[in-house]
N, C-alpha and C. Protein backbone atom coordinates (compact mmCIF):
# COMPACT_ATOMS: atom_id res chain seq x y z
N LEU A 1 -26.42 -38.94 14.62
CA LEU A 1 -26.25 -37.60 14.06
C LEU A 1 -25.21 -37.63 12.94
N LEU A 2 -24.08 -38.28 13.21
CA LEU A 2 -23.01 -38.34 12.21
C LEU A 2 -23.47 -39.05 10.95
N THR A 3 -24.18 -40.14 11.11
CA THR A 3 -24.66 -40.89 9.95
C THR A 3 -25.68 -40.08 9.14
N SER A 4 -26.55 -39.38 9.82
CA SER A 4 -27.54 -38.58 9.09
C SER A 4 -26.87 -37.42 8.36
N LEU A 5 -25.87 -36.80 8.99
CA LEU A 5 -25.15 -35.71 8.32
C LEU A 5 -24.37 -36.24 7.12
N LYS A 6 -23.80 -37.43 7.26
CA LYS A 6 -23.08 -38.03 6.14
C LYS A 6 -24.02 -38.28 4.97
N ALA A 7 -25.18 -38.87 5.26
CA ALA A 7 -26.15 -39.16 4.20
C ALA A 7 -26.62 -37.87 3.53
N MET A 8 -26.90 -36.86 4.32
CA MET A 8 -27.37 -35.59 3.76
C MET A 8 -26.28 -34.91 2.93
N GLY A 9 -25.04 -34.96 3.41
CA GLY A 9 -23.94 -34.34 2.69
C GLY A 9 -23.67 -35.00 1.36
N GLU A 10 -23.88 -36.31 1.30
CA GLU A 10 -23.63 -37.03 0.06
C GLU A 10 -24.77 -36.90 -0.94
N GLN A 11 -25.95 -36.49 -0.47
CA GLN A 11 -27.08 -36.25 -1.36
C GLN A 11 -27.01 -34.81 -1.86
N LYS A 12 -26.63 -34.64 -3.07
CA LYS A 12 -26.43 -33.29 -3.61
C LYS A 12 -27.74 -32.52 -3.76
N ALA A 13 -28.86 -33.23 -3.83
CA ALA A 13 -30.15 -32.56 -4.04
C ALA A 13 -30.69 -31.91 -2.78
N TYR A 14 -30.22 -32.35 -1.62
CA TYR A 14 -30.76 -31.85 -0.36
C TYR A 14 -29.71 -31.07 0.41
N ARG A 15 -30.13 -30.03 1.09
CA ARG A 15 -29.25 -29.21 1.92
C ARG A 15 -29.89 -29.01 3.27
N LEU A 16 -29.07 -28.88 4.28
CA LEU A 16 -29.55 -28.60 5.64
C LEU A 16 -29.75 -27.09 5.74
N GLU A 17 -30.98 -26.66 5.55
CA GLU A 17 -31.28 -25.23 5.52
C GLU A 17 -31.97 -24.80 6.81
N GLY A 18 -31.89 -23.54 7.08
CA GLY A 18 -32.52 -22.99 8.27
C GLY A 18 -31.50 -22.78 9.37
N GLU A 19 -31.37 -21.54 9.75
CA GLU A 19 -30.36 -21.18 10.76
C GLU A 19 -30.61 -21.87 12.10
N ALA A 20 -31.87 -22.02 12.47
CA ALA A 20 -32.20 -22.66 13.75
C ALA A 20 -31.77 -24.13 13.76
N LEU A 21 -31.98 -24.81 12.65
CA LEU A 21 -31.58 -26.21 12.54
C LEU A 21 -30.06 -26.35 12.54
N GLN A 22 -29.39 -25.45 11.83
CA GLN A 22 -27.93 -25.47 11.81
C GLN A 22 -27.37 -25.22 13.21
N LYS A 23 -27.94 -24.24 13.89
CA LYS A 23 -27.48 -23.90 15.25
C LYS A 23 -27.73 -25.06 16.21
N ALA A 24 -28.86 -25.75 16.07
CA ALA A 24 -29.16 -26.90 16.92
C ALA A 24 -28.13 -28.01 16.72
N ASN A 25 -27.74 -28.24 15.48
CA ASN A 25 -26.72 -29.24 15.19
C ASN A 25 -25.37 -28.84 15.78
N ILE A 26 -25.03 -27.57 15.65
CA ILE A 26 -23.77 -27.08 16.22
C ILE A 26 -23.78 -27.26 17.73
N ASN A 27 -24.91 -26.93 18.36
CA ASN A 27 -25.01 -27.07 19.81
C ASN A 27 -24.91 -28.53 20.26
N LEU A 28 -25.28 -29.46 19.40
CA LEU A 28 -25.12 -30.88 19.72
C LEU A 28 -23.67 -31.34 19.55
N ILE A 29 -22.98 -30.79 18.58
CA ILE A 29 -21.63 -31.25 18.23
C ILE A 29 -20.54 -30.63 19.10
N VAL A 30 -20.58 -29.32 19.27
CA VAL A 30 -19.47 -28.59 19.90
C VAL A 30 -19.09 -29.09 21.29
N PRO A 31 -20.03 -29.42 22.17
CA PRO A 31 -19.60 -29.90 23.49
C PRO A 31 -18.72 -31.15 23.45
N TYR A 32 -18.89 -31.96 22.43
CA TYR A 32 -18.10 -33.19 22.33
C TYR A 32 -16.70 -32.95 21.77
N MET A 33 -16.45 -31.74 21.26
CA MET A 33 -15.11 -31.42 20.78
C MET A 33 -14.11 -31.36 21.93
N ALA A 34 -14.61 -31.16 23.13
CA ALA A 34 -13.75 -31.07 24.31
C ALA A 34 -13.99 -32.23 25.27
N ASN A 35 -14.53 -33.32 24.76
CA ASN A 35 -14.80 -34.48 25.60
C ASN A 35 -13.50 -35.21 25.91
N SER A 36 -13.40 -35.78 27.08
CA SER A 36 -12.17 -36.48 27.46
C SER A 36 -11.98 -37.78 26.69
N ASN A 37 -13.05 -38.31 26.11
CA ASN A 37 -12.97 -39.53 25.32
C ASN A 37 -12.51 -39.17 23.90
N PRO A 38 -11.35 -39.68 23.46
CA PRO A 38 -10.85 -39.30 22.13
C PRO A 38 -11.76 -39.77 20.99
N LEU A 39 -12.47 -40.86 21.19
CA LEU A 39 -13.38 -41.34 20.16
C LEU A 39 -14.53 -40.35 19.93
N LEU A 40 -15.05 -39.79 21.02
CA LEU A 40 -16.12 -38.80 20.90
C LEU A 40 -15.61 -37.50 20.29
N ARG A 41 -14.38 -37.10 20.63
CA ARG A 41 -13.79 -35.90 20.00
C ARG A 41 -13.63 -36.11 18.50
N CYS A 42 -13.18 -37.28 18.13
CA CYS A 42 -12.99 -37.59 16.72
C CYS A 42 -14.33 -37.59 15.98
N ALA A 43 -15.34 -38.19 16.59
CA ALA A 43 -16.67 -38.21 15.98
C ALA A 43 -17.24 -36.80 15.86
N ALA A 44 -17.00 -35.96 16.86
CA ALA A 44 -17.49 -34.58 16.82
C ALA A 44 -16.80 -33.79 15.72
N ALA A 45 -15.49 -33.98 15.57
CA ALA A 45 -14.76 -33.28 14.51
C ALA A 45 -15.27 -33.73 13.14
N GLU A 46 -15.50 -35.02 13.00
CA GLU A 46 -16.04 -35.56 11.75
C GLU A 46 -17.44 -34.99 11.49
N ALA A 47 -18.25 -34.92 12.54
CA ALA A 47 -19.60 -34.38 12.41
C ALA A 47 -19.58 -32.91 12.00
N MET A 48 -18.59 -32.17 12.49
CA MET A 48 -18.46 -30.76 12.12
C MET A 48 -18.22 -30.64 10.62
N GLY A 49 -17.32 -31.46 10.09
CA GLY A 49 -17.07 -31.44 8.65
C GLY A 49 -18.28 -31.87 7.85
N ARG A 50 -18.95 -32.91 8.33
CA ARG A 50 -20.15 -33.40 7.64
C ARG A 50 -21.29 -32.40 7.70
N LEU A 51 -21.40 -31.69 8.82
CA LEU A 51 -22.43 -30.65 8.93
C LEU A 51 -22.18 -29.55 7.90
N ALA A 52 -20.94 -29.12 7.78
CA ALA A 52 -20.61 -28.10 6.79
C ALA A 52 -20.90 -28.60 5.38
N GLN A 53 -20.65 -29.88 5.13
CA GLN A 53 -20.95 -30.46 3.83
C GLN A 53 -22.46 -30.49 3.58
N ALA A 54 -23.22 -30.84 4.61
CA ALA A 54 -24.68 -30.91 4.48
C ALA A 54 -25.30 -29.53 4.26
N VAL A 55 -24.72 -28.51 4.90
CA VAL A 55 -25.22 -27.14 4.71
C VAL A 55 -24.83 -26.64 3.32
N GLY A 56 -23.58 -26.86 2.93
CA GLY A 56 -23.15 -26.52 1.58
C GLY A 56 -23.10 -25.04 1.27
N ASP A 57 -22.85 -24.22 2.27
CA ASP A 57 -22.82 -22.77 2.10
C ASP A 57 -21.44 -22.25 2.50
N ALA A 58 -20.82 -21.48 1.61
CA ALA A 58 -19.47 -20.97 1.88
C ALA A 58 -19.43 -20.09 3.13
N GLN A 59 -20.47 -19.33 3.36
CA GLN A 59 -20.53 -18.47 4.55
C GLN A 59 -20.54 -19.31 5.82
N PHE A 60 -21.29 -20.40 5.81
CA PHE A 60 -21.35 -21.29 6.97
C PHE A 60 -19.99 -21.94 7.21
N VAL A 61 -19.35 -22.39 6.14
CA VAL A 61 -18.02 -23.01 6.26
C VAL A 61 -17.04 -22.00 6.85
N ALA A 62 -17.09 -20.76 6.37
CA ALA A 62 -16.20 -19.72 6.89
C ALA A 62 -16.45 -19.47 8.37
N SER A 63 -17.71 -19.47 8.77
CA SER A 63 -18.01 -19.23 10.19
C SER A 63 -17.54 -20.39 11.06
N MET A 64 -17.66 -21.62 10.57
CA MET A 64 -17.20 -22.78 11.34
C MET A 64 -15.67 -22.80 11.43
N ALA A 65 -15.00 -22.43 10.34
CA ALA A 65 -13.54 -22.36 10.37
C ALA A 65 -13.09 -21.28 11.34
N GLN A 66 -13.73 -20.13 11.29
CA GLN A 66 -13.38 -19.03 12.20
C GLN A 66 -13.64 -19.42 13.66
N PHE A 67 -14.72 -20.13 13.90
CA PHE A 67 -15.03 -20.60 15.25
C PHE A 67 -13.91 -21.52 15.75
N SER A 68 -13.45 -22.42 14.88
CA SER A 68 -12.36 -23.32 15.26
C SER A 68 -11.06 -22.56 15.50
N PHE A 69 -10.77 -21.57 14.64
CA PHE A 69 -9.57 -20.74 14.84
C PHE A 69 -9.61 -20.06 16.20
N ASP A 70 -10.76 -19.46 16.51
CA ASP A 70 -10.91 -18.74 17.78
C ASP A 70 -10.75 -19.67 18.97
N LYS A 71 -11.33 -20.86 18.88
CA LYS A 71 -11.21 -21.83 19.98
C LYS A 71 -9.75 -22.27 20.16
N LEU A 72 -9.05 -22.47 19.06
CA LEU A 72 -7.65 -22.89 19.15
C LEU A 72 -6.79 -21.79 19.77
N LYS A 73 -7.15 -20.53 19.51
CA LYS A 73 -6.39 -19.42 20.10
C LYS A 73 -6.69 -19.26 21.58
N SER A 74 -7.95 -19.44 21.96
CA SER A 74 -8.34 -19.16 23.35
C SER A 74 -8.14 -20.34 24.29
N CYS A 75 -8.26 -21.54 23.80
CA CYS A 75 -8.14 -22.72 24.67
C CYS A 75 -6.70 -23.23 24.67
N ARG A 76 -6.16 -23.41 25.84
CA ARG A 76 -4.78 -23.84 25.97
C ARG A 76 -4.63 -25.30 26.38
N ASP A 77 -5.74 -25.97 26.69
CA ASP A 77 -5.63 -27.36 27.12
C ASP A 77 -5.57 -28.30 25.92
N ALA A 78 -4.95 -29.44 26.10
CA ALA A 78 -4.73 -30.38 25.01
C ALA A 78 -6.03 -30.95 24.45
N ILE A 79 -7.00 -31.18 25.31
CA ILE A 79 -8.25 -31.79 24.85
C ILE A 79 -8.98 -30.88 23.87
N ASN A 80 -9.14 -29.62 24.21
CA ASN A 80 -9.79 -28.68 23.29
C ASN A 80 -8.98 -28.52 22.01
N ARG A 81 -7.69 -28.40 22.15
CA ARG A 81 -6.84 -28.19 20.96
C ARG A 81 -6.91 -29.38 20.00
N THR A 82 -6.93 -30.59 20.54
CA THR A 82 -6.99 -31.75 19.65
C THR A 82 -8.32 -31.79 18.90
N GLY A 83 -9.41 -31.54 19.60
CA GLY A 83 -10.72 -31.58 18.96
C GLY A 83 -10.87 -30.54 17.86
N PHE A 84 -10.47 -29.31 18.14
CA PHE A 84 -10.66 -28.25 17.14
C PHE A 84 -9.62 -28.30 16.03
N ALA A 85 -8.44 -28.86 16.31
CA ALA A 85 -7.46 -29.07 15.24
C ALA A 85 -8.00 -30.09 14.24
N LEU A 86 -8.54 -31.18 14.76
CA LEU A 86 -9.10 -32.20 13.87
C LEU A 86 -10.33 -31.67 13.14
N ALA A 87 -11.08 -30.78 13.77
CA ALA A 87 -12.24 -30.17 13.11
C ALA A 87 -11.80 -29.38 11.88
N LEU A 88 -10.67 -28.68 11.98
CA LEU A 88 -10.16 -27.96 10.80
C LEU A 88 -9.85 -28.94 9.67
N GLY A 89 -9.22 -30.05 10.01
CA GLY A 89 -8.93 -31.05 8.99
C GLY A 89 -10.19 -31.61 8.36
N SER A 90 -11.20 -31.86 9.18
CA SER A 90 -12.47 -32.39 8.67
C SER A 90 -13.21 -31.37 7.80
N LEU A 91 -13.18 -30.12 8.20
CA LEU A 91 -13.81 -29.08 7.37
C LEU A 91 -13.19 -29.06 5.98
N HIS A 92 -11.87 -29.10 5.92
CA HIS A 92 -11.21 -29.08 4.61
C HIS A 92 -11.42 -30.38 3.86
N ARG A 93 -11.53 -31.47 4.59
CA ARG A 93 -11.74 -32.76 3.95
C ARG A 93 -13.06 -32.80 3.19
N TYR A 94 -14.11 -32.25 3.80
CA TYR A 94 -15.44 -32.36 3.21
C TYR A 94 -15.88 -31.16 2.41
N VAL A 95 -15.38 -29.97 2.70
CA VAL A 95 -15.83 -28.78 1.97
C VAL A 95 -14.68 -27.83 1.68
N GLY A 96 -13.50 -28.35 1.49
CA GLY A 96 -12.35 -27.50 1.24
C GLY A 96 -12.53 -26.58 0.05
N SER A 97 -13.27 -27.06 -0.94
CA SER A 97 -13.48 -26.25 -2.13
C SER A 97 -14.39 -25.05 -1.87
N LEU A 98 -15.21 -25.13 -0.82
CA LEU A 98 -16.08 -24.00 -0.47
C LEU A 98 -15.34 -22.95 0.34
N GLY A 99 -14.27 -23.35 1.00
CA GLY A 99 -13.51 -22.40 1.81
C GLY A 99 -12.58 -21.58 0.94
N SER A 100 -12.17 -20.45 1.42
CA SER A 100 -11.28 -19.60 0.63
C SER A 100 -9.83 -20.03 0.84
N GLY A 101 -8.96 -19.53 -0.02
CA GLY A 101 -7.54 -19.78 0.13
C GLY A 101 -7.00 -19.22 1.43
N GLN A 102 -7.63 -18.16 1.91
CA GLN A 102 -7.22 -17.56 3.18
C GLN A 102 -7.46 -18.54 4.33
N HIS A 103 -8.59 -19.26 4.29
CA HIS A 103 -8.86 -20.24 5.34
C HIS A 103 -7.87 -21.39 5.27
N LEU A 104 -7.50 -21.78 4.06
CA LEU A 104 -6.49 -22.83 3.91
C LEU A 104 -5.17 -22.37 4.51
N ASN A 105 -4.78 -21.15 4.19
CA ASN A 105 -3.53 -20.60 4.72
C ASN A 105 -3.55 -20.55 6.24
N THR A 106 -4.63 -20.05 6.80
CA THR A 106 -4.74 -19.94 8.26
C THR A 106 -4.75 -21.32 8.90
N SER A 107 -5.51 -22.25 8.33
CA SER A 107 -5.58 -23.60 8.89
C SER A 107 -4.22 -24.28 8.90
N VAL A 108 -3.54 -24.24 7.77
CA VAL A 108 -2.23 -24.88 7.68
C VAL A 108 -1.24 -24.22 8.62
N SER A 109 -1.26 -22.89 8.69
CA SER A 109 -0.34 -22.18 9.59
C SER A 109 -0.58 -22.57 11.05
N ILE A 110 -1.84 -22.62 11.46
CA ILE A 110 -2.16 -23.00 12.84
C ILE A 110 -1.74 -24.44 13.11
N LEU A 111 -2.04 -25.33 12.19
CA LEU A 111 -1.71 -26.74 12.40
C LEU A 111 -0.20 -26.97 12.40
N LEU A 112 0.52 -26.25 11.56
CA LEU A 112 1.99 -26.36 11.59
C LEU A 112 2.54 -25.89 12.93
N ALA A 113 1.98 -24.80 13.45
CA ALA A 113 2.43 -24.29 14.75
C ALA A 113 2.10 -25.28 15.87
N LEU A 114 0.90 -25.84 15.85
CA LEU A 114 0.52 -26.81 16.89
C LEU A 114 1.37 -28.07 16.81
N ALA A 115 1.70 -28.48 15.60
CA ALA A 115 2.50 -29.70 15.42
C ALA A 115 3.93 -29.51 15.92
N GLN A 116 4.39 -28.29 16.00
CA GLN A 116 5.74 -28.02 16.49
C GLN A 116 5.80 -27.86 18.00
N ASP A 117 4.65 -27.81 18.64
CA ASP A 117 4.60 -27.62 20.09
C ASP A 117 4.97 -28.92 20.79
N GLY A 118 6.19 -29.00 21.27
CA GLY A 118 6.69 -30.22 21.89
C GLY A 118 6.18 -30.46 23.29
N THR A 119 5.36 -29.57 23.83
CA THR A 119 4.88 -29.75 25.20
C THR A 119 3.77 -30.79 25.29
N SER A 120 3.10 -31.09 24.19
CA SER A 120 2.02 -32.08 24.20
C SER A 120 2.10 -32.96 22.96
N ALA A 121 2.49 -34.21 23.17
CA ALA A 121 2.55 -35.16 22.06
C ALA A 121 1.15 -35.41 21.49
N LEU A 122 0.14 -35.32 22.34
CA LEU A 122 -1.24 -35.53 21.91
C LEU A 122 -1.67 -34.45 20.91
N VAL A 123 -1.36 -33.20 21.22
CA VAL A 123 -1.69 -32.09 20.31
C VAL A 123 -0.90 -32.23 19.02
N GLN A 124 0.37 -32.60 19.13
CA GLN A 124 1.18 -32.80 17.93
C GLN A 124 0.56 -33.87 17.03
N THR A 125 0.17 -34.98 17.63
CA THR A 125 -0.38 -36.09 16.86
C THR A 125 -1.65 -35.68 16.11
N TRP A 126 -2.58 -35.07 16.81
CA TRP A 126 -3.85 -34.70 16.17
C TRP A 126 -3.66 -33.58 15.15
N SER A 127 -2.72 -32.69 15.39
CA SER A 127 -2.45 -31.61 14.44
C SER A 127 -1.85 -32.16 13.15
N ILE A 128 -0.94 -33.11 13.29
CA ILE A 128 -0.33 -33.72 12.10
C ILE A 128 -1.39 -34.51 11.33
N LEU A 129 -2.25 -35.19 12.06
CA LEU A 129 -3.34 -35.93 11.41
C LEU A 129 -4.25 -34.98 10.63
N ALA A 130 -4.61 -33.86 11.24
CA ALA A 130 -5.46 -32.86 10.56
C ALA A 130 -4.75 -32.27 9.35
N LEU A 131 -3.46 -32.02 9.48
CA LEU A 131 -2.68 -31.50 8.36
C LEU A 131 -2.66 -32.52 7.22
N GLY A 132 -2.59 -33.79 7.56
CA GLY A 132 -2.65 -34.84 6.56
C GLY A 132 -3.98 -34.88 5.83
N LEU A 133 -5.08 -34.63 6.56
CA LEU A 133 -6.39 -34.57 5.92
C LEU A 133 -6.45 -33.43 4.91
N ILE A 134 -5.89 -32.30 5.30
CA ILE A 134 -5.89 -31.14 4.39
C ILE A 134 -5.02 -31.42 3.18
N ALA A 135 -3.84 -32.00 3.41
CA ALA A 135 -2.93 -32.30 2.31
C ALA A 135 -3.55 -33.31 1.34
N ASP A 136 -4.25 -34.29 1.89
CA ASP A 136 -4.85 -35.35 1.08
C ASP A 136 -5.96 -34.82 0.18
N THR A 137 -6.72 -33.86 0.66
CA THR A 137 -7.85 -33.36 -0.11
C THR A 137 -7.61 -31.99 -0.73
N GLY A 138 -6.48 -31.37 -0.42
CA GLY A 138 -6.22 -30.02 -0.89
C GLY A 138 -5.84 -29.92 -2.35
N GLY A 139 -5.31 -31.01 -2.90
CA GLY A 139 -4.92 -31.00 -4.30
C GLY A 139 -3.89 -29.92 -4.60
N GLY A 140 -4.10 -29.22 -5.69
CA GLY A 140 -3.17 -28.18 -6.12
C GLY A 140 -3.10 -26.99 -5.18
N MET A 141 -4.18 -26.78 -4.42
CA MET A 141 -4.17 -25.65 -3.48
C MET A 141 -3.15 -25.86 -2.36
N PHE A 142 -2.79 -27.11 -2.09
CA PHE A 142 -1.85 -27.41 -1.01
C PHE A 142 -0.39 -27.31 -1.47
N ARG A 143 -0.19 -27.12 -2.75
CA ARG A 143 1.16 -27.12 -3.33
C ARG A 143 2.10 -26.17 -2.60
N GLY A 144 1.64 -25.00 -2.22
CA GLY A 144 2.50 -24.02 -1.55
C GLY A 144 2.87 -24.40 -0.13
N TYR A 145 2.23 -25.43 0.40
CA TYR A 145 2.48 -25.83 1.79
C TYR A 145 3.25 -27.13 1.90
N VAL A 146 3.64 -27.69 0.76
CA VAL A 146 4.37 -28.96 0.77
C VAL A 146 5.72 -28.79 1.45
N GLU A 147 6.46 -27.77 1.07
CA GLU A 147 7.80 -27.59 1.64
C GLU A 147 7.76 -27.34 3.15
N PRO A 148 6.91 -26.43 3.66
CA PRO A 148 6.85 -26.28 5.12
C PRO A 148 6.41 -27.56 5.83
N SER A 149 5.52 -28.31 5.20
CA SER A 149 5.05 -29.56 5.82
C SER A 149 6.17 -30.60 5.87
N LEU A 150 6.91 -30.71 4.78
CA LEU A 150 8.03 -31.66 4.77
C LEU A 150 9.14 -31.23 5.73
N SER A 151 9.36 -29.93 5.84
CA SER A 151 10.35 -29.43 6.81
C SER A 151 9.92 -29.77 8.23
N LEU A 152 8.64 -29.63 8.51
CA LEU A 152 8.10 -30.01 9.81
C LEU A 152 8.34 -31.49 10.07
N CYS A 153 8.03 -32.32 9.07
CA CYS A 153 8.21 -33.76 9.23
C CYS A 153 9.65 -34.12 9.52
N LEU A 154 10.56 -33.52 8.79
CA LEU A 154 11.98 -33.79 9.01
C LEU A 154 12.40 -33.35 10.40
N ARG A 155 11.97 -32.17 10.81
CA ARG A 155 12.31 -31.66 12.14
C ARG A 155 11.76 -32.58 13.23
N LEU A 156 10.53 -33.03 13.05
CA LEU A 156 9.93 -33.92 14.05
C LEU A 156 10.61 -35.28 14.07
N LEU A 157 10.98 -35.79 12.91
CA LEU A 157 11.69 -37.07 12.88
C LEU A 157 13.03 -36.98 13.59
N LEU A 158 13.67 -35.83 13.50
CA LEU A 158 14.98 -35.67 14.14
C LEU A 158 14.89 -35.37 15.63
N THR A 159 13.80 -34.76 16.07
CA THR A 159 13.74 -34.30 17.47
C THR A 159 12.76 -35.06 18.36
N THR A 160 11.83 -35.79 17.78
CA THR A 160 10.83 -36.48 18.59
C THR A 160 11.43 -37.75 19.20
N PRO A 161 11.27 -37.91 20.50
CA PRO A 161 11.76 -39.15 21.13
C PRO A 161 11.04 -40.37 20.54
N THR A 162 11.74 -41.48 20.45
CA THR A 162 11.15 -42.68 19.85
C THR A 162 9.99 -43.23 20.68
N ALA A 163 9.87 -42.80 21.91
CA ALA A 163 8.75 -43.24 22.75
C ALA A 163 7.42 -42.62 22.27
N ASN A 164 7.47 -41.52 21.55
CA ASN A 164 6.26 -40.87 21.02
C ASN A 164 5.89 -41.51 19.68
N VAL A 165 5.47 -42.76 19.75
CA VAL A 165 5.17 -43.53 18.55
C VAL A 165 4.05 -42.90 17.74
N ASP A 166 3.03 -42.38 18.40
CA ASP A 166 1.89 -41.80 17.68
C ASP A 166 2.31 -40.62 16.81
N VAL A 167 3.17 -39.77 17.34
CA VAL A 167 3.66 -38.62 16.56
C VAL A 167 4.42 -39.12 15.35
N LEU A 168 5.30 -40.08 15.55
CA LEU A 168 6.12 -40.59 14.45
C LEU A 168 5.27 -41.29 13.39
N GLN A 169 4.25 -42.02 13.81
CA GLN A 169 3.36 -42.66 12.84
C GLN A 169 2.58 -41.63 12.03
N CYS A 170 2.12 -40.58 12.68
CA CYS A 170 1.40 -39.52 11.95
C CYS A 170 2.31 -38.79 10.98
N VAL A 171 3.56 -38.60 11.36
CA VAL A 171 4.53 -38.00 10.44
C VAL A 171 4.68 -38.89 9.21
N GLY A 172 4.78 -40.21 9.42
CA GLY A 172 4.87 -41.14 8.31
C GLY A 172 3.66 -41.07 7.39
N LYS A 173 2.48 -40.95 7.98
CA LYS A 173 1.25 -40.84 7.18
C LYS A 173 1.22 -39.54 6.40
N LEU A 174 1.68 -38.46 7.03
CA LEU A 174 1.69 -37.17 6.34
C LEU A 174 2.65 -37.19 5.16
N VAL A 175 3.81 -37.79 5.34
CA VAL A 175 4.79 -37.86 4.26
C VAL A 175 4.27 -38.72 3.11
N SER A 176 3.48 -39.73 3.42
CA SER A 176 3.00 -40.64 2.37
C SER A 176 1.79 -40.10 1.61
N VAL A 177 1.25 -38.95 2.03
CA VAL A 177 0.07 -38.39 1.35
C VAL A 177 0.44 -37.91 -0.01
C-alpha cells in the first residue's frame, strides 16, 4: 500500500479520486496508527502523508489534519499519540503546501506541547521527530516557529535525563534542520 501510494503521489498526472477509494485507504491505514509495533505505526504515518499526496486535494489534507488533531486530543495513551503525531509530520512533509497556515500553526503548537510532556519519553521522541519533518519541509512558513522550537530544544537538553538517549538524539536532529 505504501509503495503504491508513493508511486501515485510522485506521478503528477494521476490522482487518487473517488471518496469510496479514499475512505477504503484510510480504513486500511488508521488501525495501524495505534499498533504496538513502532515500525507499523511509522509506516502508517508515512502512508497517511503519501495518501494525502496521492489525493492532492486541499480539502482532503485539511480533513486528515483535523482527524489527527482530534485523535491527539482524545487519545491519552502513548501509542496513539506517537502514531498521530508522526502522521502530522508526514502530512506536512508531503503536502504542506496544500495545507493552510492555520494547520501549520496548530500542528506545531500540538507537537511543541507533546514534546514538553515529560511523562512519556516515547511521545517526546516522536513529537520532536514530527516537528523536525515540518521544520525540514516548511521552508519560510516555519520561520515564525524557529524560536519556540529552539527554546524547546534548549529546555529539553537541560532537563532530559541522559538515559533518554532517543529524546536527546531527536533534539540534535531538530537543531540541525
